[in-house]
All heavy atoms as atom14 arrays in JSON, in Angstrom:
{
  "sequence": "SRDNAKNTVYLQMDSLKRGDTAVYYCNEEVDYGLGVGYLEVWGQ",
  "atom14_mask": [
    [1, 1, 1, 1, 1, 1, 0, 0, 0, 0, 0, 0, 0, 0],
    [1, 1, 1, 1, 1, 1, 1, 1, 1, 1, 1, 0, 0, 0],
    [1, 1, 1, 1, 1, 1, 1, 1, 0, 0, 0, 0, 0, 0],
    [1, 1, 1, 1, 1, 1, 1, 1, 0, 0, 0, 0, 0, 0],
    [1, 1, 1, 1, 1, 0, 0, 0, 0, 0, 0, 0, 0, 0],
    [1, 1, 1, 1, 1, 1, 1, 1, 1, 0, 0, 0, 0, 0],
    [1, 1, 1, 1, 1, 1, 1, 1, 0, 0, 0, 0, 0, 0],
    [1, 1, 1, 1, 1, 1, 1, 0, 0, 0, 0, 0, 0, 0],
    [1, 1, 1, 1, 1, 1, 1, 0, 0, 0, 0, 0, 0, 0],
    [1, 1, 1, 1, 1, 1, 1, 1, 1, 1, 1, 1, 0, 0],
    [1, 1, 1, 1, 1, 1, 1, 1, 0, 0, 0, 0, 0, 0],
    [1, 1, 1, 1, 1, 1, 1, 1, 1, 0, 0, 0, 0, 0],
    [1, 1, 1, 1, 1, 1, 1, 1, 0, 0, 0, 0, 0, 0],
    [1, 1, 1, 1, 1, 1, 1, 1, 0, 0, 0, 0, 0, 0],
    [1, 1, 1, 1, 1, 1, 0, 0, 0, 0, 0, 0, 0, 0],
    [1, 1, 1, 1, 1, 1, 1, 1, 0, 0, 0, 0, 0, 0],
    [1, 1, 1, 1, 1, 1, 1, 1, 1, 0, 0, 0, 0, 0],
    [1, 1, 1, 1, 1, 1, 1, 1, 1, 1, 1, 0, 0, 0],
    [1, 1, 1, 1, 0, 0, 0, 0, 0, 0, 0, 0, 0, 0],
    [1, 1, 1, 1, 1, 1, 1, 1, 0, 0, 0, 0, 0, 0],
    [1, 1, 1, 1, 1, 1, 1, 0, 0, 0, 0, 0, 0, 0],
    [1, 1, 1, 1, 1, 0, 0, 0, 0, 0, 0, 0, 0, 0],
    [1, 1, 1, 1, 1, 1, 1, 0, 0, 0, 0, 0, 0, 0],
    [1, 1, 1, 1, 1, 1, 1, 1, 1, 1, 1, 1, 0, 0],
    [1, 1, 1, 1, 1, 1, 1, 1, 1, 1, 1, 1, 0, 0],
    [1, 1, 1, 1, 1, 1, 0, 0, 0, 0, 0, 0, 0, 0],
    [1, 1, 1, 1, 1, 1, 1, 1, 0, 0, 0, 0, 0, 0],
    [1, 1, 1, 1, 1, 1, 1, 1, 1, 0, 0, 0, 0, 0],
    [1, 1, 1, 1, 1, 1, 1, 1, 1, 0, 0, 0, 0, 0],
    [1, 1, 1, 1, 1, 1, 1, 0, 0, 0, 0, 0, 0, 0],
    [1, 1, 1, 1, 1, 1, 1, 1, 0, 0, 0, 0, 0, 0],
    [1, 1, 1, 1, 1, 1, 1, 1, 1, 1, 1, 1, 0, 0],
    [1, 1, 1, 1, 0, 0, 0, 0, 0, 0, 0, 0, 0, 0],
    [1, 1, 1, 1, 1, 1, 1, 1, 0, 0, 0, 0, 0, 0],
    [1, 1, 1, 1, 0, 0, 0, 0, 0, 0, 0, 0, 0, 0],
    [1, 1, 1, 1, 1, 1, 1, 0, 0, 0, 0, 0, 0, 0],
    [1, 1, 1, 1, 0, 0, 0, 0, 0, 0, 0, 0, 0, 0],
    [1, 1, 1, 1, 1, 1, 1, 1, 1, 1, 1, 1, 0, 0],
    [1, 1, 1, 1, 1, 1, 1, 1, 0, 0, 0, 0, 0, 0],
    [1, 1, 1, 1, 1, 1, 1, 1, 1, 0, 0, 0, 0, 0],
    [1, 1, 1, 1, 1, 1, 1, 0, 0, 0, 0, 0, 0, 0],
    [1, 1, 1, 1, 1, 1, 1, 1, 1, 1, 1, 1, 1, 1],
    [1, 1, 1, 1, 0, 0, 0, 0, 0, 0, 0, 0, 0, 0],
    [1, 1, 1, 1, 1, 1, 1, 1, 1, 0, 0, 0, 0, 0]
  ],
  "atom14_positions": [
    [[17.77, 3.77, -30.44], [16.68, 3.52, -31.35], [16.29, 2.03, -31.28], [17.02, 1.25, -30.69], [17.09, 3.89, -32.79], [18.2, 3.13, -33.22], [0.0, 0.0, 0.0], [0.0, 0.0, 0.0], [0.0, 0.0, 0.0], [0.0, 0.0, 0.0], [0.0, 0.0, 0.0], [0.0, 0.0, 0.0], [0.0, 0.0, 0.0], [0.0, 0.0, 0.0]],
    [[15.17, 1.68, -31.87], [14.72, 0.31, -31.81], [14.1, -0.11, -33.12], [13.53, 0.73, -33.85], [13.74, 0.07, -30.65], [12.47, 0.91, -30.73], [11.69, 0.84, -29.45], [11.07, -0.49, -29.24], [10.59, -0.92, -28.1], [10.67, -0.15, -27.0], [10.05, -2.13, -28.01], [0.0, 0.0, 0.0], [0.0, 0.0, 0.0], [0.0, 0.0, 0.0]],
    [[14.19, -1.4, -33.42], [13.57, -1.98, -34.59], [12.74, -3.15, -34.04], [13.25, -4.21, -33.76], [14.63, -2.5, -35.58], [14.0, -3.01, -36.87], [12.84, -3.42, -36.87], [14.71, -2.98, -37.89], [0.0, 0.0, 0.0], [0.0, 0.0, 0.0], [0.0, 0.0, 0.0], [0.0, 0.0, 0.0], [0.0, 0.0, 0.0], [0.0, 0.0, 0.0]],
    [[11.45, -2.9, -33.93], [10.57, -3.89, -33.33], [10.45, -5.15, -34.19], [10.28, -6.25, -33.65], [9.19, -3.28, -33.1], [9.18, -2.21, -32.04], [9.95, -2.28, -31.07], [8.3, -1.23, -32.18], [0.0, 0.0, 0.0], [0.0, 0.0, 0.0], [0.0, 0.0, 0.0], [0.0, 0.0, 0.0], [0.0, 0.0, 0.0], [0.0, 0.0, 0.0]],
    [[10.54, -5.03, -35.49], [10.47, -6.17, -36.37], [11.64, -7.12, -36.15], [11.53, -8.32, -36.35], [10.41, -5.75, -37.83], [0.0, 0.0, 0.0], [0.0, 0.0, 0.0], [0.0, 0.0, 0.0], [0.0, 0.0, 0.0], [0.0, 0.0, 0.0], [0.0, 0.0, 0.0], [0.0, 0.0, 0.0], [0.0, 0.0, 0.0], [0.0, 0.0, 0.0]],
    [[12.78, -6.59, -35.73], [13.98, -7.38, -35.47], [14.23, -7.61, -33.98], [15.22, -8.23, -33.63], [15.2, -6.7, -36.08], [15.13, -6.57, -37.61], [16.39, -5.91, -38.15], [16.35, -5.81, -39.66], [17.55, -5.15, -40.2], [0.0, 0.0, 0.0], [0.0, 0.0, 0.0], [0.0, 0.0, 0.0], [0.0, 0.0, 0.0], [0.0, 0.0, 0.0]],
    [[13.31, -7.11, -33.14], [13.49, -7.24, -31.7], [14.85, -6.74, -31.23], [15.51, -7.37, -30.42], [13.27, -8.69, -31.25], [11.88, -9.19, -31.56], [10.91, -8.47, -31.42], [11.8, -10.46, -32.02], [0.0, 0.0, 0.0], [0.0, 0.0, 0.0], [0.0, 0.0, 0.0], [0.0, 0.0, 0.0], [0.0, 0.0, 0.0], [0.0, 0.0, 0.0]],
    [[15.24, -5.62, -31.77], [16.6, -5.11, -31.6], [16.62, -3.67, -31.11], [15.81, -2.84, -31.58], [17.4, -5.25, -32.9], [17.48, -6.6, -33.29], [18.81, -4.71, -32.71], [0.0, 0.0, 0.0], [0.0, 0.0, 0.0], [0.0, 0.0, 0.0], [0.0, 0.0, 0.0], [0.0, 0.0, 0.0], [0.0, 0.0, 0.0], [0.0, 0.0, 0.0]],
    [[17.53, -3.37, -30.22], [17.77, -2.02, -29.78], [19.2, -1.64, -30.17], [20.1, -2.47, -30.11], [17.54, -1.86, -28.26], [18.49, -2.74, -27.47], [17.69, -0.41, -27.85], [0.0, 0.0, 0.0], [0.0, 0.0, 0.0], [0.0, 0.0, 0.0], [0.0, 0.0, 0.0], [0.0, 0.0, 0.0], [0.0, 0.0, 0.0], [0.0, 0.0, 0.0]],
    [[19.36, -0.36, -30.56], [20.67, 0.12, -30.97], [21.11, 1.29, -30.11], [20.29, 2.02, -29.55], [20.63, 0.58, -32.44], [20.14, -0.44, -33.42], [18.8, -0.49, -33.78], [21.03, -1.35, -34.0], [18.34, -1.43, -34.69], [20.57, -2.3, -34.92], [19.23, -2.33, -35.25], [18.81, -3.25, -36.16], [0.0, 0.0, 0.0], [0.0, 0.0, 0.0]],
    [[22.39, 1.49, -30.04], [22.93, 2.68, -29.41], [24.02, 3.23, -30.3], [25.11, 2.65, -30.41], [23.53, 2.34, -28.01], [24.01, 3.56, -27.23], [22.81, 4.45, -26.85], [24.77, 3.14, -25.98], [0.0, 0.0, 0.0], [0.0, 0.0, 0.0], [0.0, 0.0, 0.0], [0.0, 0.0, 0.0], [0.0, 0.0, 0.0], [0.0, 0.0, 0.0]],
    [[23.71, 4.34, -30.95], [24.68, 5.03, -31.76], [25.44, 6.0, -30.88], [24.86, 6.88, -30.26], [23.99, 5.81, -32.89], [24.93, 6.63, -33.8], [25.86, 5.76, -34.61], [25.47, 4.74, -35.14], [27.14, 6.15, -34.65], [0.0, 0.0, 0.0], [0.0, 0.0, 0.0], [0.0, 0.0, 0.0], [0.0, 0.0, 0.0], [0.0, 0.0, 0.0]],
    [[26.76, 5.84, -30.81], [27.61, 6.6, -29.94], [28.55, 7.44, -30.79], [29.43, 6.89, -31.49], [28.4, 5.72, -28.99], [27.49, 4.8, -28.13], [28.42, 3.86, -26.88], [29.37, 2.8, -27.97], [0.0, 0.0, 0.0], [0.0, 0.0, 0.0], [0.0, 0.0, 0.0], [0.0, 0.0, 0.0], [0.0, 0.0, 0.0], [0.0, 0.0, 0.0]],
    [[28.41, 8.73, -30.72], [29.26, 9.67, -31.48], [30.05, 10.53, -30.51], [29.7, 10.65, -29.33], [28.4, 10.54, -32.39], [27.63, 9.78, -33.45], [28.2, 8.82, -34.0], [26.46, 10.12, -33.71], [0.0, 0.0, 0.0], [0.0, 0.0, 0.0], [0.0, 0.0, 0.0], [0.0, 0.0, 0.0], [0.0, 0.0, 0.0], [0.0, 0.0, 0.0]],
    [[31.09, 11.17, -31.02], [31.92, 12.05, -30.21], [32.34, 11.39, -28.91], [32.23, 11.97, -27.83], [31.18, 13.36, -29.94], [30.83, 14.02, -31.14], [0.0, 0.0, 0.0], [0.0, 0.0, 0.0], [0.0, 0.0, 0.0], [0.0, 0.0, 0.0], [0.0, 0.0, 0.0], [0.0, 0.0, 0.0], [0.0, 0.0, 0.0], [0.0, 0.0, 0.0]],
    [[32.83, 10.18, -29.02], [33.15, 9.39, -27.83], [34.3, 10.03, -27.06], [35.25, 10.58, -27.63], [33.51, 7.98, -28.22], [32.3, 7.08, -28.54], [32.71, 5.87, -29.33], [31.61, 6.67, -27.24], [0.0, 0.0, 0.0], [0.0, 0.0, 0.0], [0.0, 0.0, 0.0], [0.0, 0.0, 0.0], [0.0, 0.0, 0.0], [0.0, 0.0, 0.0]],
    [[34.19, 9.94, -25.72], [35.17, 10.45, -24.8], [35.8, 9.32, -24.02], [35.22, 8.23, -23.92], [34.54, 11.46, -23.85], [33.81, 12.59, -24.51], [33.1, 13.47, -23.46], [32.36, 14.63, -24.1], [31.66, 15.44, -23.07], [0.0, 0.0, 0.0], [0.0, 0.0, 0.0], [0.0, 0.0, 0.0], [0.0, 0.0, 0.0], [0.0, 0.0, 0.0]],
    [[36.94, 9.58, -23.42], [37.6, 8.56, -22.6], [36.68, 8.13, -21.44], [36.74, 6.96, -21.02], [38.94, 9.05, -22.08], [40.01, 9.19, -23.15], [41.33, 9.69, -22.6], [42.36, 9.74, -23.6], [42.53, 10.75, -24.44], [41.76, 11.82, -24.38], [43.52, 10.7, -25.34], [0.0, 0.0, 0.0], [0.0, 0.0, 0.0], [0.0, 0.0, 0.0]],
    [[35.87, 9.04, -20.95], [34.97, 8.74, -19.86], [33.83, 7.78, -20.24], [33.12, 7.29, -19.37], [0.0, 0.0, 0.0], [0.0, 0.0, 0.0], [0.0, 0.0, 0.0], [0.0, 0.0, 0.0], [0.0, 0.0, 0.0], [0.0, 0.0, 0.0], [0.0, 0.0, 0.0], [0.0, 0.0, 0.0], [0.0, 0.0, 0.0], [0.0, 0.0, 0.0]],
    [[33.69, 7.53, -21.54], [32.68, 6.57, -22.0], [33.16, 5.14, -21.93], [32.39, 4.2, -22.17], [32.25, 6.89, -23.44], [31.59, 8.24, -23.57], [30.78, 8.6, -22.7], [31.87, 8.96, -24.56], [0.0, 0.0, 0.0], [0.0, 0.0, 0.0], [0.0, 0.0, 0.0], [0.0, 0.0, 0.0], [0.0, 0.0, 0.0], [0.0, 0.0, 0.0]],
    [[34.43, 4.93, -21.62], [34.97, 3.6, -21.5], [34.24, 2.8, -20.44], [34.15, 3.22, -19.28], [36.48, 3.65, -21.19], [37.17, 4.25, -22.28], [37.03, 2.26, -20.97], [0.0, 0.0, 0.0], [0.0, 0.0, 0.0], [0.0, 0.0, 0.0], [0.0, 0.0, 0.0], [0.0, 0.0, 0.0], [0.0, 0.0, 0.0], [0.0, 0.0, 0.0]],
    [[33.69, 1.67, -20.82], [32.89, 0.84, -19.9], [32.46, -0.43, -20.59], [32.6, -0.57, -21.82], [31.69, 1.62, -19.39], [0.0, 0.0, 0.0], [0.0, 0.0, 0.0], [0.0, 0.0, 0.0], [0.0, 0.0, 0.0], [0.0, 0.0, 0.0], [0.0, 0.0, 0.0], [0.0, 0.0, 0.0], [0.0, 0.0, 0.0], [0.0, 0.0, 0.0]],
    [[31.91, -1.35, -19.82], [31.19, -2.48, -20.38], [29.73, -2.02, -20.52], [29.13, -1.56, -19.56], [31.27, -3.73, -19.51], [30.46, -4.85, -20.11], [32.74, -4.16, -19.38], [0.0, 0.0, 0.0], [0.0, 0.0, 0.0], [0.0, 0.0, 0.0], [0.0, 0.0, 0.0], [0.0, 0.0, 0.0], [0.0, 0.0, 0.0], [0.0, 0.0, 0.0]],
    [[29.2, -2.15, -21.71], [27.84, -1.73, -21.98], [26.9, -2.93, -22.03], [27.2, -3.93, -22.7], [27.76, -0.96, -23.32], [28.31, 0.41, -23.24], [29.67, 0.65, -23.09], [27.45, 1.53, -23.28], [30.2, 1.93, -22.99], [27.95, 2.81, -23.18], [29.32, 3.0, -23.02], [29.81, 4.29, -22.93], [0.0, 0.0, 0.0], [0.0, 0.0, 0.0]],
    [[25.79, -2.85, -21.32], [24.82, -3.91, -21.24], [23.47, -3.43, -21.75], [23.03, -2.35, -21.39], [24.61, -4.37, -19.79], [25.85, -4.91, -19.12], [26.72, -4.06, -18.44], [26.14, -6.27, -19.15], [27.86, -4.56, -17.8], [27.27, -6.77, -18.53], [28.12, -5.91, -17.86], [29.24, -6.42, -17.23], [0.0, 0.0, 0.0], [0.0, 0.0, 0.0]],
    [[22.83, -4.24, -22.6], [21.48, -3.91, -23.0], [20.47, -4.59, -22.07], [20.78, -5.61, -21.46], [21.22, -4.29, -24.45], [21.46, -6.08, -24.81], [0.0, 0.0, 0.0], [0.0, 0.0, 0.0], [0.0, 0.0, 0.0], [0.0, 0.0, 0.0], [0.0, 0.0, 0.0], [0.0, 0.0, 0.0], [0.0, 0.0, 0.0], [0.0, 0.0, 0.0]],
    [[19.3, -4.03, -22.01], [18.23, -4.58, -21.19], [16.92, -4.42, -21.96], [16.65, -3.34, -22.51], [18.17, -3.85, -19.84], [17.03, -4.33, -18.97], [15.89, -3.91, -19.12], [17.34, -5.24, -18.06], [0.0, 0.0, 0.0], [0.0, 0.0, 0.0], [0.0, 0.0, 0.0], [0.0, 0.0, 0.0], [0.0, 0.0, 0.0], [0.0, 0.0, 0.0]],
    [[16.17, -5.51, -22.04], [14.87, -5.44, -22.67], [13.81, -6.09, -21.81], [14.05, -7.13, -21.19], [14.93, -6.16, -24.05], [15.96, -5.55, -24.99], [15.93, -6.13, -26.4], [14.99, -6.89, -26.71], [16.84, -5.86, -27.16], [0.0, 0.0, 0.0], [0.0, 0.0, 0.0], [0.0, 0.0, 0.0], [0.0, 0.0, 0.0], [0.0, 0.0, 0.0]],
    [[12.67, -5.48, -21.76], [11.5, -6.03, -21.06], [10.72, -6.83, -22.09], [10.02, -6.25, -22.93], [10.66, -4.92, -20.44], [11.45, -4.13, -19.38], [10.67, -2.95, -18.85], [9.73, -2.52, -19.53], [11.0, -2.5, -17.74], [0.0, 0.0, 0.0], [0.0, 0.0, 0.0], [0.0, 0.0, 0.0], [0.0, 0.0, 0.0], [0.0, 0.0, 0.0]],
    [[10.84, -8.15, -22.03], [10.32, -9.03, -23.07], [9.13, -9.85, -22.57], [9.2, -10.45, -21.52], [11.42, -9.99, -23.57], [10.9, -10.83, -24.73], [12.67, -9.22, -24.0], [0.0, 0.0, 0.0], [0.0, 0.0, 0.0], [0.0, 0.0, 0.0], [0.0, 0.0, 0.0], [0.0, 0.0, 0.0], [0.0, 0.0, 0.0], [0.0, 0.0, 0.0]],
    [[8.06, -9.85, -23.35], [6.93, -10.69, -23.1], [6.97, -11.85, -24.11], [6.82, -11.62, -25.33], [5.62, -9.92, -23.23], [4.39, -10.71, -22.82], [4.47, -11.93, -22.75], [3.34, -10.08, -22.62], [0.0, 0.0, 0.0], [0.0, 0.0, 0.0], [0.0, 0.0, 0.0], [0.0, 0.0, 0.0], [0.0, 0.0, 0.0], [0.0, 0.0, 0.0]],
    [[7.19, -13.06, -23.63], [7.25, -14.25, -24.5], [5.91, -14.91, -24.68], [5.86, -16.01, -25.24], [8.28, -15.24, -23.96], [9.72, -14.8, -24.16], [10.37, -14.04, -23.18], [10.4, -15.11, -25.32], [11.7, -13.63, -23.39], [11.71, -14.7, -25.52], [12.37, -13.98, -24.54], [13.65, -13.56, -24.71], [0.0, 0.0, 0.0], [0.0, 0.0, 0.0]],
    [[4.85, -14.29, -24.25], [3.53, -14.85, -24.39], [3.25, -16.03, -23.48], [2.43, -16.89, -23.81], [0.0, 0.0, 0.0], [0.0, 0.0, 0.0], [0.0, 0.0, 0.0], [0.0, 0.0, 0.0], [0.0, 0.0, 0.0], [0.0, 0.0, 0.0], [0.0, 0.0, 0.0], [0.0, 0.0, 0.0], [0.0, 0.0, 0.0], [0.0, 0.0, 0.0]],
    [[3.91, -16.06, -22.35], [3.76, -17.16, -21.41], [2.72, -16.88, -20.34], [2.46, -17.74, -19.49], [5.1, -17.45, -20.74], [6.25, -17.8, -21.66], [7.55, -17.95, -20.89], [5.93, -19.06, -22.44], [0.0, 0.0, 0.0], [0.0, 0.0, 0.0], [0.0, 0.0, 0.0], [0.0, 0.0, 0.0], [0.0, 0.0, 0.0], [0.0, 0.0, 0.0]],
    [[2.14, -15.67, -20.38], [1.14, -15.33, -19.42], [1.68, -14.75, -18.12], [0.92, -14.61, -17.16], [0.0, 0.0, 0.0], [0.0, 0.0, 0.0], [0.0, 0.0, 0.0], [0.0, 0.0, 0.0], [0.0, 0.0, 0.0], [0.0, 0.0, 0.0], [0.0, 0.0, 0.0], [0.0, 0.0, 0.0], [0.0, 0.0, 0.0], [0.0, 0.0, 0.0]],
    [[2.97, -14.46, -18.09], [3.61, -13.94, -16.9], [4.0, -12.47, -17.04], [4.63, -11.89, -16.17], [4.84, -14.76, -16.51], [4.43, -16.19, -16.16], [5.87, -14.76, -17.62], [0.0, 0.0, 0.0], [0.0, 0.0, 0.0], [0.0, 0.0, 0.0], [0.0, 0.0, 0.0], [0.0, 0.0, 0.0], [0.0, 0.0, 0.0], [0.0, 0.0, 0.0]],
    [[3.64, -11.86, -18.16], [4.02, -10.5, -18.41], [5.43, -10.33, -18.88], [6.02, -11.27, -19.46], [0.0, 0.0, 0.0], [0.0, 0.0, 0.0], [0.0, 0.0, 0.0], [0.0, 0.0, 0.0], [0.0, 0.0, 0.0], [0.0, 0.0, 0.0], [0.0, 0.0, 0.0], [0.0, 0.0, 0.0], [0.0, 0.0, 0.0], [0.0, 0.0, 0.0]],
    [[5.96, -9.16, -18.67], [7.32, -8.85, -19.15], [8.38, -9.43, -18.24], [8.28, -9.42, -17.01], [7.52, -7.36, -19.25], [6.68, -6.7, -20.31], [5.63, -5.88, -19.97], [6.94, -6.93, -21.68], [4.85, -5.27, -20.97], [6.19, -6.34, -22.65], [5.13, -5.51, -22.3], [4.34, -4.91, -23.27], [0.0, 0.0, 0.0], [0.0, 0.0, 0.0]],
    [[9.41, -9.99, -18.85], [10.6, -10.46, -18.16], [11.77, -9.55, -18.49], [11.97, -9.19, -19.66], [10.95, -11.9, -18.58], [9.87, -12.96, -18.35], [10.33, -14.28, -18.95], [9.57, -13.09, -16.87], [0.0, 0.0, 0.0], [0.0, 0.0, 0.0], [0.0, 0.0, 0.0], [0.0, 0.0, 0.0], [0.0, 0.0, 0.0], [0.0, 0.0, 0.0]],
    [[12.52, -9.16, -17.49], [13.65, -8.28, -17.7], [14.86, -9.15, -18.09], [15.32, -9.97, -17.32], [13.95, -7.48, -16.44], [15.02, -6.44, -16.62], [15.21, -5.57, -15.39], [14.5, -4.55, -15.3], [16.0, -5.96, -14.53], [0.0, 0.0, 0.0], [0.0, 0.0, 0.0], [0.0, 0.0, 0.0], [0.0, 0.0, 0.0], [0.0, 0.0, 0.0]],
    [[15.35, -8.91, -19.28], [16.42, -9.72, -19.84], [17.64, -8.84, -20.11], [17.53, -7.74, -20.63], [15.99, -10.39, -21.15], [17.05, -11.35, -21.65], [14.67, -11.13, -20.94], [0.0, 0.0, 0.0], [0.0, 0.0, 0.0], [0.0, 0.0, 0.0], [0.0, 0.0, 0.0], [0.0, 0.0, 0.0], [0.0, 0.0, 0.0], [0.0, 0.0, 0.0]],
    [[18.84, -9.36, -19.74], [20.08, -8.64, -19.91], [20.96, -9.26, -20.95], [21.01, -10.5, -21.13], [20.84, -8.6, -18.58], [20.24, -7.74, -17.52], [19.31, -8.1, -16.59], [20.53, -6.35, -17.31], [19.01, -7.03, -15.8], [19.72, -5.94, -16.21], [21.34, -5.41, -17.92], [19.76, -4.64, -15.72], [21.37, -4.14, -17.42], [20.57, -3.75, -16.34]],
    [[21.7, -8.44, -21.67], [22.71, -8.92, -22.58], [23.97, -9.31, -21.81], [24.1, -9.08, -20.6], [0.0, 0.0, 0.0], [0.0, 0.0, 0.0], [0.0, 0.0, 0.0], [0.0, 0.0, 0.0], [0.0, 0.0, 0.0], [0.0, 0.0, 0.0], [0.0, 0.0, 0.0], [0.0, 0.0, 0.0], [0.0, 0.0, 0.0], [0.0, 0.0, 0.0]],
    [[24.91, -9.89, -22.54], [26.12, -10.38, -21.91], [27.17, -9.31, -21.66], [28.14, -9.53, -20.92], [26.76, -11.47, -22.78], [27.62, -10.98, -23.96], [26.81, -10.54, -25.16], [25.57, -10.51, -25.17], [27.51, -10.19, -26.24], [0.0, 0.0, 0.0], [0.0, 0.0, 0.0], [0.0, 0.0, 0.0], [0.0, 0.0, 0.0], [0.0, 0.0, 0.0]]
  ]
}
């Protein structure tokens, strides 16, 4: 889900399995109004 007012994306994970073990990274296509369009930005 996303909250555009907060510029935030969420991932609700239910019924987790051992196979879900991983490092999870978010990615957002962000336009900072610089005239270059969307920039692909990654979380840590």
